[in-house]
PDB file of N, CA and C in Angstrom:
ATOM      1  N   MET A   1     -10.734   0.800   4.875  1.00  0.00           N
ATOM      2  CA  MET A   1      -9.352   0.962   4.674  1.00  0.00           C
ATOM      3  C   MET A   1      -9.303   1.976   3.313  1.00  0.00           C
ATOM      4  N   HIS A   2     -10.169   1.928   2.442  1.00  0.00           N
ATOM      5  CA  HIS A   2     -10.057   2.720   1.232  1.00  0.00           C
ATOM      6  C   HIS A   2     -11.134   3.670   1.044  1.00  0.00           C
ATOM      7  N   GLY A   3     -11.750   3.977   2.285  1.00  0.00           N
ATOM      8  CA  GLY A   3     -12.496   5.291   2.211  1.00  0.00           C
ATOM      9  C   GLY A   3     -13.928   4.787   1.776  1.00  0.00           C
ATOM     10  N   LEU A   4     -14.190   3.655   1.700  1.00  0.00           N
ATOM     11  CA  LEU A   4     -15.463   3.338   1.102  1.00  0.00           C
ATOM     12  C   LEU A   4     -16.497   2.843   2.348  1.00  0.00           C
ATOM     13  N   VAL A   5     -17.781   3.094   2.234  1.00  0.00           N
ATOM     14  CA  VAL A   5     -18.603   2.661   3.278  1.00  0.00           C
ATOM     15  C   VAL A   5     -18.927   1.157   3.066  1.00  0.00           C
ATOM     16  N   PRO A   6     -18.708   0.527   4.138  1.00  0.00           N
ATOM     17  CA  PRO A   6     -19.027  -1.212   4.071  1.00  0.00           C
ATOM     18  C   PRO A   6     -20.298  -1.464   3.676  1.00  0.00           C
ATOM     19  N   GLY A   7     -20.294  -2.417   2.738  1.00  0.00           N
ATOM     20  CA  GLY A   7     -21.588  -2.798   2.235  1.00  0.00           C
ATOM     21  C   GLY A   7     -22.085  -2.131   1.039  1.00  0.00           C
ATOM     22  N   GLU A   8     -21.449  -1.019   0.645  1.00  0.00           N
ATOM     23  CA  GLU A   8     -22.083  -0.120  -0.473  1.00  0.00           C
ATOM     24  C   GLU A   8     -21.315  -0.606  -1.816  1.00  0.00           C
ATOM     25  N   GLN A   9     -20.202  -1.154  -1.666  1.00  0.00           N
ATOM     26  CA  GLN A   9     -19.475  -1.780  -2.884  1.00  0.00           C
ATOM     27  C   GLN A   9     -18.825  -3.022  -2.461  1.00  0.00           C
ATOM     28  N   GLU A  10     -18.999  -3.983  -3.305  1.00  0.00           N
ATOM     29  CA  GLU A  10     -18.319  -5.464  -3.433  1.00  0.00           C
ATOM     30  C   GLU A  10     -16.796  -5.212  -3.344  1.00  0.00           C
ATOM     31  N   SER A  11     -16.189  -6.015  -2.374  1.00  0.00           N
ATOM     32  CA  SER A  11     -14.770  -6.084  -2.280  1.00  0.00           C
ATOM     33  C   SER A  11     -14.218  -6.815  -3.546  1.00  0.00           C
ATOM     34  N   SER A  12     -13.301  -6.181  -4.305  1.00  0.00           N
ATOM     35  CA  SER A  12     -12.821  -6.995  -5.418  1.00  0.00           C
ATOM     36  C   SER A  12     -11.560  -6.343  -5.851  1.00  0.00           C
ATOM     37  N   TYR A  13     -10.725  -7.057  -6.710  1.00  0.00           N
ATOM     38  CA  TYR A  13      -9.395  -6.665  -7.085  1.00  0.00           C
ATOM     39  C   TYR A  13      -9.643  -5.275  -7.804  1.00  0.00           C
ATOM     40  N   GLN A  14     -10.532  -5.106  -8.702  1.00  0.00           N
ATOM     41  CA  GLN A  14     -10.730  -3.944  -9.192  1.00  0.00           C
ATOM     42  C   GLN A  14     -11.071  -2.684  -8.390  1.00  0.00           C
ATOM     43  N   ALA A  15     -11.851  -2.999  -7.476  1.00  0.00           N
ATOM     44  CA  ALA A  15     -12.209  -1.937  -6.508  1.00  0.00           C
ATOM     45  C   ALA A  15     -10.884  -1.422  -5.683  1.00  0.00           C
ATOM     46  N   TRP A  16     -10.053  -2.470  -5.381  1.00  0.00           N
ATOM     47  CA  TRP A  16      -8.794  -2.079  -4.576  1.00  0.00           C
ATOM     48  C   TRP A  16      -7.954  -1.416  -5.573  1.00  0.00           C
ATOM     49  N   ARG A  17      -7.764  -1.782  -6.848  1.00  0.00           N
ATOM     50  CA  ARG A  17      -6.934  -1.102  -7.826  1.00  0.00           C
ATOM     51  C   ARG A  17      -7.371   0.293  -8.066  1.00  0.00           C
ATOM     52  N   GLU A  18      -8.643   0.609  -8.266  1.00  0.00           N
ATOM     53  CA  GLU A  18      -9.153   1.798  -8.449  1.00  0.00           C
ATOM     54  C   GLU A  18      -8.729   3.037  -7.480  1.00  0.00           C
ATOM     55  N   ARG A  19      -8.403   2.293  -6.187  1.00  0.00           N
ATOM     56  CA  ARG A  19      -8.151   3.194  -5.126  1.00  0.00           C
ATOM     57  C   ARG A  19      -6.410   3.396  -4.861  1.00  0.00           C
ATOM     58  N   VAL A  20      -5.787   2.585  -5.353  1.00  0.00           N
ATOM     59  CA  VAL A  20      -4.218   2.725  -5.305  1.00  0.00           C
ATOM     60  C   VAL A  20      -3.854   3.975  -6.103  1.00  0.00           C
ATOM     61  N   HIS A  21      -2.788   4.626  -5.430  1.00  0.00           N
ATOM     62  CA  HIS A  21      -2.295   5.932  -6.301  1.00  0.00           C
ATOM     63  C   HIS A  21      -1.727   5.422  -7.483  1.00  0.00           C
ATOM     64  N   PRO A  22      -2.019   6.176  -8.591  1.00  0.00           N
ATOM     65  CA  PRO A  22      -1.428   5.957  -9.810  1.00  0.00           C
ATOM     66  C   PRO A  22       0.097   5.736  -9.751  1.00  0.00           C
ATOM     67  N   GLU A  23       0.964   6.490  -8.942  1.00  0.00           N
ATOM     68  CA  GLU A  23       2.284   6.218  -8.988  1.00  0.00           C
ATOM     69  C   GLU A  23       2.814   5.099  -8.325  1.00  0.00           C
ATOM     70  N   ASP A  24       1.845   4.486  -7.566  1.00  0.00           N
ATOM     71  CA  ASP A  24       2.315   3.152  -6.794  1.00  0.00           C
ATOM     72  C   ASP A  24       1.833   1.858  -7.417  1.00  0.00           C
ATOM     73  N   ILE A  25       0.669   1.906  -8.345  1.00  0.00           N
ATOM     74  CA  ILE A  25       0.111   0.705  -8.770  1.00  0.00           C
ATOM     75  C   ILE A  25       1.012  -0.205  -9.423  1.00  0.00           C
ATOM     76  N   HIS A  26       1.698   0.257 -10.392  1.00  0.00           N
ATOM     77  CA  HIS A  26       2.634  -0.661 -11.156  1.00  0.00           C
ATOM     78  C   HIS A  26       3.643  -1.511 -10.196  1.00  0.00           C
ATOM     79  N   ARG A  27       4.168  -0.773  -9.344  1.00  0.00           N
ATOM     80  CA  ARG A  27       5.157  -1.386  -8.317  1.00  0.00           C
ATOM     81  C   ARG A  27       4.422  -2.348  -7.470  1.00  0.00           C
ATOM     82  N   VAL A  28       3.330  -1.953  -6.821  1.00  0.00           N
ATOM     83  CA  VAL A  28       2.333  -3.093  -6.075  1.00  0.00           C
ATOM     84  C   VAL A  28       1.841  -4.218  -6.938  1.00  0.00           C
ATOM     85  N   GLU A  29       1.330  -4.027  -7.972  1.00  0.00           N
ATOM     86  CA  GLU A  29       1.100  -5.096  -8.905  1.00  0.00           C
ATOM     87  C   GLU A  29       2.125  -5.903  -9.288  1.00  0.00           C
ATOM     88  N   GLN A  30       3.266  -5.497  -9.531  1.00  0.00           N
ATOM     89  CA  GLN A  30       4.510  -6.197  -9.719  1.00  0.00           C
ATOM     90  C   GLN A  30       4.857  -7.120  -8.534  1.00  0.00           C
ATOM     91  N   ALA A  31       4.863  -6.462  -7.166  1.00  0.00           N
ATOM     92  CA  ALA A  31       4.973  -7.181  -6.071  1.00  0.00           C
ATOM     93  C   ALA A  31       4.248  -8.294  -5.832  1.00  0.00           C
ATOM     94  N   VAL A  32       2.779  -8.071  -6.052  1.00  0.00           N
ATOM     95  CA  VAL A  32       1.810  -9.252  -6.043  1.00  0.00           C
ATOM     96  C   VAL A  32       2.231 -10.170  -7.045  1.00  0.00           C
ATOM     97  N   THR A  33       2.312  -9.955  -8.266  1.00  0.00           N
ATOM     98  CA  THR A  33       2.631 -10.943  -9.315  1.00  0.00           C
ATOM     99  C   THR A  33       3.760 -11.849  -8.906  1.00  0.00           C
ATOM    100  N   ALA A  34       4.855 -11.187  -8.532  1.00  0.00           N
ATOM    101  CA  ALA A  34       6.098 -11.922  -8.021  1.00  0.00           C
ATOM    102  C   ALA A  34       5.960 -12.872  -6.893  1.00  0.00           C
ATOM    103  N   ALA A  35       5.159 -12.432  -5.916  1.00  0.00           N
ATOM    104  CA  ALA A  35       4.795 -13.252  -4.772  1.00  0.00           C
ATOM    105  C   ALA A  35       3.894 -14.317  -5.173  1.00  0.00           C
ATOM    106  N   LEU A  36       2.926 -14.322  -5.864  1.00  0.00           N
ATOM    107  CA  LEU A  36       2.160 -15.373  -6.281  1.00  0.00           C
ATOM    108  C   LEU A  36       2.865 -16.380  -7.241  1.00  0.00           C
ATOM    109  N   ALA A  37       3.820 -15.776  -8.148  1.00  0.00           N
ATOM    110  CA  ALA A  37       4.461 -16.607  -8.957  1.00  0.00           C
ATOM    111  C   ALA A  37       5.559 -17.459  -8.231  1.00  0.00           C
ATOM    112  N   SER A  38       6.059 -16.895  -7.049  1.00  0.00           N
ATOM    113  CA  SER A  38       7.125 -17.585  -6.321  1.00  0.00           C
ATOM    114  C   SER A  38       6.556 -18.310  -5.189  1.00  0.00           C
ATOM    115  N   HIS A  39       5.294 -18.253  -5.053  1.00  0.00           N
ATOM    116  CA  HIS A  39       4.657 -18.820  -3.757  1.00  0.00           C
ATOM    117  C   HIS A  39       5.143 -18.423  -2.489  1.00  0.00           C
ATOM    118  N   THR A  40       5.528 -17.013  -2.499  1.00  0.00           N
ATOM    119  CA  THR A  40       5.979 -16.369  -1.314  1.00  0.00           C
ATOM    120  C   THR A  40       5.027 -15.399  -0.663  1.00  0.00           C
ATOM    121  N   ASP A  41       5.188 -14.946   0.467  1.00  0.00           N
ATOM    122  CA  ASP A  41       4.258 -13.814   1.089  1.00  0.00           C
ATOM    123  C   ASP A  41       4.571 -12.438   0.303  1.00  0.00           C
ATOM    124  N   PHE A  42       3.598 -11.632   0.343  1.00  0.00           N
ATOM    125  CA  PHE A  42       3.484 -10.267  -0.385  1.00  0.00           C
ATOM    126  C   PHE A  42       3.402  -9.383   0.766  1.00  0.00           C
ATOM    127  N   GLU A  43       4.139  -8.318   0.567  1.00  0.00           N
ATOM    128  CA  GLU A  43       4.274  -7.201   1.576  1.00  0.00           C
ATOM    129  C   GLU A  43       4.658  -5.815   0.705  1.00  0.00           C
ATOM    130  N   ALA A  44       3.874  -4.810   0.724  1.00  0.00           N
ATOM    131  CA  ALA A  44       4.177  -3.561   0.212  1.00  0.00           C
ATOM    132  C   ALA A  44       3.334  -2.370   0.909  1.00  0.00           C
ATOM    133  N   GLU A  45       4.171  -1.249   1.057  1.00  0.00           N
ATOM    134  CA  GLU A  45       3.650  -0.107   1.429  1.00  0.00           C
ATOM    135  C   GLU A  45       3.163   0.794   0.124  1.00  0.00           C
ATOM    136  N   TYR A  46       2.139   1.339   0.215  1.00  0.00           N
ATOM    137  CA  TYR A  46       1.563   2.343  -0.868  1.00  0.00           C
ATOM    138  C   TYR A  46       0.487   3.210  -0.508  1.00  0.00           C
ATOM    139  N   ARG A  47       0.173   4.143  -1.435  1.00  0.00           N
ATOM    140  CA  ARG A  47      -0.733   5.036  -1.122  1.00  0.00           C
ATOM    141  C   ARG A  47      -2.037   4.704  -1.767  1.00  0.00           C
ATOM    142  N   VAL A  48      -3.248   5.107  -0.995  1.00  0.00           N
ATOM    143  CA  VAL A  48      -4.376   5.013  -1.721  1.00  0.00           C
ATOM    144  C   VAL A  48      -5.195   6.287  -1.609  1.00  0.00           C
ATOM    145  N   ILE A  49      -6.257   6.537  -2.557  1.00  0.00           N
ATOM    146  CA  ILE A  49      -6.857   7.775  -2.665  1.00  0.00           C
ATOM    147  C   ILE A  49      -8.228   7.645  -2.363  1.00  0.00           C
ATOM    148  N   TYR A  50      -8.759   8.126  -1.224  1.00  0.00           N
ATOM    149  CA  TYR A  50     -10.042   8.121  -0.694  1.00  0.00           C
ATOM    150  C   TYR A  50     -11.005   8.700  -1.639  1.00  0.00           C
ATOM    151  N   PRO A  51     -12.223   8.537  -1.805  1.00  0.00           N
ATOM    152  CA  PRO A  51     -13.340   9.106  -2.608  1.00  0.00           C
ATOM    153  C   PRO A  51     -13.351  10.671  -2.303  1.00  0.00           C
ATOM    154  N   ASN A  52     -12.743  10.958  -1.049  1.00  0.00           N
ATOM    155  CA  ASN A  52     -12.972  12.331  -0.768  1.00  0.00           C
ATOM    156  C   ASN A  52     -11.614  13.321  -1.038  1.00  0.00           C
ATOM    157  N   GLY A  53     -10.686  12.373  -1.786  1.00  0.00           N
ATOM    158  CA  GLY A  53      -9.507  12.939  -2.322  1.00  0.00           C
ATOM    159  C   GLY A  53      -8.280  12.895  -1.377  1.00  0.00           C
ATOM    160  N   ASN A  54      -8.654  12.514   0.014  1.00  0.00           N
ATOM    161  CA  ASN A  54      -7.539  12.339   0.937  1.00  0.00           C
ATOM    162  C   ASN A  54      -6.601  11.240   0.488  1.00  0.00           C
ATOM    163  N   ILE A  55      -5.419  11.179   0.844  1.00  0.00           N
ATOM    164  CA  ILE A  55      -4.305  10.116   0.511  1.00  0.00           C
ATOM    165  C   ILE A  55      -3.932   9.555   1.832  1.00  0.00           C
ATOM    166  N   HIS A  56      -4.032   8.263   1.636  1.00  0.00           N
ATOM    167  CA  HIS A  56      -3.691   7.430   3.038  1.00  0.00           C
ATOM    168  C   HIS A  56      -2.633   6.422   2.553  1.00  0.00           C
ATOM    169  N   TRP A  57      -1.530   6.094   3.473  1.00  0.00           N
ATOM    170  CA  TRP A  57      -0.663   5.213   3.316  1.00  0.00           C
ATOM    171  C   TRP A  57      -1.113   4.020   4.024  1.00  0.00           C
ATOM    172  N   LEU A  58      -0.881   2.859   3.221  1.00  0.00           N
ATOM    173  CA  LEU A  58      -1.266   1.507   3.639  1.00  0.00           C
ATOM    174  C   LEU A  58      -0.025   0.471   3.567  1.00  0.00           C
ATOM    175  N   VAL A  59      -0.084  -0.484   4.322  1.00  0.00           N
ATOM    176  CA  VAL A  59       0.838  -1.651   4.107  1.00  0.00           C
ATOM    177  C   VAL A  59      -0.242  -2.874   3.958  1.00  0.00           C
ATOM    178  N   GLY A  60       0.225  -3.546   2.934  1.00  0.00           N
ATOM    179  CA  GLY A  60      -0.536  -4.604   2.591  1.00  0.00           C
ATOM    180  C   GLY A  60       0.314  -5.835   2.745  1.00  0.00           C
ATOM    181  N   ARG A  61      -0.141  -6.998   3.411  1.00  0.00           N
ATOM    182  CA  ARG A  61       0.457  -8.094   3.502  1.00  0.00           C
ATOM    183  C   ARG A  61      -0.449  -9.169   3.136  1.00  0.00           C
ATOM    184  N   GLY A  62      -0.020 -10.160   2.268  1.00  0.00           N
ATOM    185  CA  GLY A  62      -0.925 -11.308   1.822  1.00  0.00           C
ATOM    186  C   GLY A  62      -0.223 -12.562   1.569  1.00  0.00           C
ATOM    187  N   ARG A  63      -0.920 -13.626   1.297  1.00  0.00           N
ATOM    188  CA  ARG A  63      -0.355 -15.004   0.983  1.00  0.00           C
ATOM    189  C   ARG A  63      -1.350 -15.624   0.028  1.00  0.00           C
ATOM    190  N   GLY A  64      -0.811 -16.099  -1.115  1.00  0.00           N
ATOM    191  CA  GLY A  64      -1.610 -16.676  -2.178  1.00  0.00           C
ATOM    192  C   GLY A  64      -2.266 -18.029  -1.779  1.00  0.00           C
ATOM    193  N   ILE A  65      -3.316 -18.363  -2.325  1.00  0.00           N
ATOM    194  CA  ILE A  65      -4.139 -19.346  -2.224  1.00  0.00           C
ATOM    195  C   ILE A  65      -4.061 -20.053  -3.601  1.00  0.00           C
ATOM    196  N   TYR A  66      -3.718 -21.507  -3.632  1.00  0.00           N
ATOM    197  CA  TYR A  66      -3.392 -22.142  -4.804  1.00  0.00           C
ATOM    198  C   TYR A  66      -4.313 -23.224  -5.076  1.00  0.00           C
ATOM    199  N   ASN A  67      -4.669 -23.698  -6.354  1.00  0.00           N
ATOM    200  CA  ASN A  67      -5.335 -24.739  -6.759  1.00  0.00           C
ATOM    201  C   ASN A  67      -4.205 -25.948  -6.626  1.00  0.00           C
ATOM    202  N   ALA A  68      -4.883 -27.212  -7.158  1.00  0.00           N
ATOM    203  CA  ALA A  68      -4.038 -28.395  -6.908  1.00  0.00           C
ATOM    204  C   ALA A  68      -2.854 -28.486  -8.016  1.00  0.00           C
ATOM    205  N   ALA A  69      -3.073 -27.505  -9.019  1.00  0.00           N
ATOM    206  CA  ALA A  69      -2.146 -27.446 -10.048  1.00  0.00           C
ATOM    207  C   ALA A  69      -1.239 -26.392  -9.816  1.00  0.00           C
ATOM    208  N   GLY A  70      -1.221 -25.695  -8.656  1.00  0.00           N
ATOM    209  CA  GLY A  70      -0.317 -24.686  -8.131  1.00  0.00           C
ATOM    210  C   GLY A  70      -0.657 -23.232  -8.797  1.00  0.00           C
ATOM    211  N   GLN A  71      -1.652 -23.259  -9.329  1.00  0.00           N
ATOM    212  CA  GLN A  71      -2.068 -21.951  -9.943  1.00  0.00           C
ATOM    213  C   GLN A  71      -2.733 -20.973  -8.897  1.00  0.00           C
ATOM    214  N   PRO A  72      -2.429 -19.746  -8.771  1.00  0.00           N
ATOM    215  CA  PRO A  72      -3.053 -18.911  -7.729  1.00  0.00           C
ATOM    216  C   PRO A  72      -4.522 -18.712  -8.185  1.00  0.00           C
ATOM    217  N   VAL A  73      -5.441 -18.850  -7.000  1.00  0.00           N
ATOM    218  CA  VAL A  73      -6.907 -18.494  -7.137  1.00  0.00           C
ATOM    219  C   VAL A  73      -7.215 -17.453  -6.280  1.00  0.00           C
ATOM    220  N   ARG A  74      -6.657 -17.175  -5.444  1.00  0.00           N
ATOM    221  CA  ARG A  74      -7.086 -16.010  -4.511  1.00  0.00           C
ATOM    222  C   ARG A  74      -5.752 -15.540  -3.603  1.00  0.00           C
ATOM    223  N   MET A  75      -5.878 -14.324  -3.030  1.00  0.00           N
ATOM    224  CA  MET A  75      -4.896 -13.931  -2.092  1.00  0.00           C
ATOM    225  C   MET A  75      -5.603 -13.341  -0.869  1.00  0.00           C
ATOM    226  N   LEU A  76      -5.153 -13.974   0.290  1.00  0.00           N
ATOM    227  CA  LEU A  76      -5.517 -13.616   1.574  1.00  0.00           C
ATOM    228  C   LEU A  76      -4.654 -12.665   2.344  1.00  0.00           C
ATOM    229  N   GLY A  77      -5.128 -11.732   3.061  1.00  0.00           N
ATOM    230  CA  GLY A  77      -4.303 -10.940   3.716  1.00  0.00           C
ATOM    231  C   GLY A  77      -4.747  -9.848   4.665  1.00  0.00           C
ATOM    232  N   VAL A  78      -3.984  -8.811   4.914  1.00  0.00           N
ATOM    233  CA  VAL A  78      -4.427  -7.741   5.752  1.00  0.00           C
ATOM    234  C   VAL A  78      -3.919  -6.487   5.270  1.00  0.00           C
ATOM    235  N   ILE A  79      -4.656  -5.417   5.404  1.00  0.00           N
ATOM    236  CA  ILE A  79      -4.210  -4.181   5.069  1.00  0.00           C
ATOM    237  C   ILE A  79      -4.373  -3.305   6.422  1.00  0.00           C
ATOM    238  N   LEU A  80      -3.135  -2.520   6.593  1.00  0.00           N
ATOM    239  CA  LEU A  80      -3.049  -1.807   7.799  1.00  0.00           C
ATOM    240  C   LEU A  80      -2.949  -0.323   7.296  1.00  0.00           C
ATOM    241  N   ASP A  81      -3.522   0.821   8.082  1.00  0.00           N
ATOM    242  CA  ASP A  81      -3.276   2.091   7.664  1.00  0.00           C
ATOM    243  C   ASP A  81      -2.133   2.572   8.398  1.00  0.00           C
ATOM    244  N   ILE A  82      -0.984   3.090   7.753  1.00  0.00           N
ATOM    245  CA  ILE A  82       0.283   3.448   8.461  1.00  0.00           C
ATOM    246  C   ILE A  82       0.431   5.036   8.058  1.00  0.00           C
ATOM    247  N   SER A  83      -0.461   5.654   7.910  1.00  0.00           N
ATOM    248  CA  SER A  83      -0.597   7.233   7.545  1.00  0.00           C
ATOM    249  C   SER A  83       0.220   8.039   8.633  1.00  0.00           C
ATOM    250  N   ASP A  84      -0.194   7.791   9.899  1.00  0.00           N
ATOM    251  CA  ASP A  84       0.552   8.484  10.924  1.00  0.00           C
ATOM    252  C   ASP A  84       1.913   8.241  11.101  1.00  0.00           C
ATOM    253  N   ARG A  85       2.477   6.979  10.903  1.00  0.00           N
ATOM    254  CA  ARG A  85       3.802   6.700  10.866  1.00  0.00           C
ATOM    255  C   ARG A  85       4.459   7.466   9.656  1.00  0.00           C
ATOM    256  N   LYS A  86       3.921   7.280   8.526  1.00  0.00           N
ATOM    257  CA  LYS A  86       4.564   7.998   7.370  1.00  0.00           C
ATOM    258  C   LYS A  86       4.614   9.518   7.614  1.00  0.00           C
ATOM    259  N   ARG A  87       3.597  10.170   8.184  1.00  0.00           N
ATOM    260  CA  ARG A  87       3.627  11.643   8.366  1.00  0.00           C
ATOM    261  C   ARG A  87       4.758  12.012   9.446  1.00  0.00           C
ATOM    262  N   ALA A  88       4.829  11.048  10.462  1.00  0.00           N
ATOM    263  CA  ALA A  88       5.922  11.268  11.536  1.00  0.00           C
ATOM    264  C   ALA A  88       7.369  11.162  10.764  1.00  0.00           C
ATOM    265  N   GLU A  89       7.559  10.105   9.825  1.00  0.00           N
ATOM    266  CA  GLU A  89       8.836   9.858   9.050  1.00  0.00           C
ATOM    267  C   GLU A  89       9.068  10.982   8.229  1.00  0.00           C
ATOM    268  N   GLU A  90       8.023  11.648   7.565  1.00  0.00           N
ATOM    269  CA  GLU A  90       8.174  12.790   6.692  1.00  0.00           C
ATOM    270  C   GLU A  90       8.628  14.026   7.593  1.00  0.00           C
ATOM    271  N   ALA A  91       7.974  14.206   8.679  1.00  0.00           N
ATOM    272  CA  ALA A  91       8.284  15.292   9.593  1.00  0.00           C
ATOM    273  C   ALA A  91       9.671  15.315  10.158  1.00  0.00           C
ATOM    274  N   SER A  92       9.988  13.997  10.475  1.00  0.00           N
ATOM    275  CA  SER A  92      11.221  13.788  10.881  1.00  0.00           C
ATOM    276  C   SER A  92      12.600  14.191   9.814  1.00  0.00           C
ATOM    277  N   ILE A  93      12.151  13.685   8.693  1.00  0.00           N
ATOM    278  CA  ILE A  93      13.227  13.822   7.559  1.00  0.00           C
ATOM    279  C   ILE A  93      13.162  15.540   7.296  1.00  0.00           C
ATOM    280  N   LEU A  94      12.127  16.145   7.192  1.00  0.00           N
ATOM    281  CA  LEU A  94      12.085  17.625   7.041  1.00  0.00           C
ATOM    282  C   LEU A  94      12.793  18.383   8.085  1.00  0.00           C
ATOM    283  N   GLU A  95      12.705  17.972   9.377  1.00  0.00           N
ATOM    284  CA  GLU A  95      13.364  18.459  10.628  1.00  0.00           C
ATOM    285  C   GLU A  95      14.964  18.182  10.484  1.00  0.00           C
ATOM    286  N   GLU A  96      15.430  17.217   9.968  1.00  0.00           N
ATOM    287  CA  GLU A  96      16.708  16.951   9.877  1.00  0.00           C
ATOM    288  C   GLU A  96      17.347  17.690   8.490  1.00  0.00           C
ATOM    289  N   ARG A  97      16.488  17.832   7.561  1.00  0.00           N
ATOM    290  CA  ARG A  97      17.087  18.721   6.493  1.00  0.00           C
ATOM    291  C   ARG A  97      17.262  20.103   6.957  1.00  0.00           C
ATOM    292  N   ASN A  98      16.102  20.813   7.717  1.00  0.00           N
ATOM    293  CA  ASN A  98      16.250  22.053   8.202  1.00  0.00           C
ATOM    294  C   ASN A  98      17.353  22.249   9.059  1.00  0.00           C
ATOM    295  N   ARG A  99      17.635  21.214  10.032  1.00  0.00           N
ATOM    296  CA  ARG A  99      18.747  21.409  10.942  1.00  0.00           C
ATOM    297  C   ARG A  99      20.196  21.577  10.197  1.00  0.00           C
ATOM    298  N   MET A 100      20.210  20.637   9.183  1.00  0.00           N
ATOM    299  CA  MET A 100      21.470  20.568   8.399  1.00  0.00           C
ATOM    300  C   MET A 100      21.663  21.924   7.541  1.00  0.00           C
ATOM    301  N   ALA A 101      20.528  22.400   7.071  1.00  0.00           N
ATOM    302  CA  ALA A 101      20.514  23.733   6.422  1.00  0.00           C
ATOM    303  C   ALA A 101      21.125  24.864   7.257  1.00  0.00           C
ATOM    304  N   ARG A 102      20.511  24.765   8.553  1.00  0.00           N
ATOM    305  CA  ARG A 102      20.994  25.840   9.588  1.00  0.00           C
ATOM    306  C   ARG A 102      22.533  25.614   9.838  1.00  0.00           C
ATOM    307  N   GLU A 103      22.853  24.547  10.060  1.00  0.00           N
ATOM    308  CA  GLU A 103      24.490  24.198  10.258  1.00  0.00           C
ATOM    309  C   GLU A 103      25.303  24.561   9.126  1.00  0.00           C
ATOM    310  N   ILE A 104      24.672  24.608   7.939  1.00  0.00           N
ATOM    311  CA  ILE A 104      25.534  24.953   6.906  1.00  0.00           C
ATOM    312  C   ILE A 104      25.641  26.477   6.640  1.00  0.00           C
ATOM    313  N   ARG A 105      24.693  27.152   7.112  1.00  0.00           N
ATOM    314  CA  ARG A 105      24.654  28.736   6.930  1.00  0.00           C
ATOM    315  C   ARG A 105      25.519  29.197   8.087  1.00  0.00           C
ATOM    316  N   TYR A 106      25.966  28.499   9.106  1.00  0.00           N
ATOM    317  CA  TYR A 106      26.609  28.953  10.201  1.00  0.00           C
ATOM    318  C   TYR A 106      28.036  28.552  10.307  1.00  0.00           C
TER     319      TYR A 106
END
């Protein structure tokens, strides 16, 4: 999901963080922190930058794992690539803007 070859790099928080788009990382980290603090599920859509420079949209969903004292020790979840959906949404928005611009001109 992050454009890395399986087995070449160990999965870690830092490896994930290095791939998240700089404009998205603060928002996503805040969402993770809030979910862990409130013991609620995490969900966020964000961009990642592949090693080849391509940008992909992902949705991450996760749940904290806590120790006996209630402190988070790990987060388990799933990441799905939603790039096709995001491109379709962007195309639809652009099409609607163009339609409105044409109507305004006439």
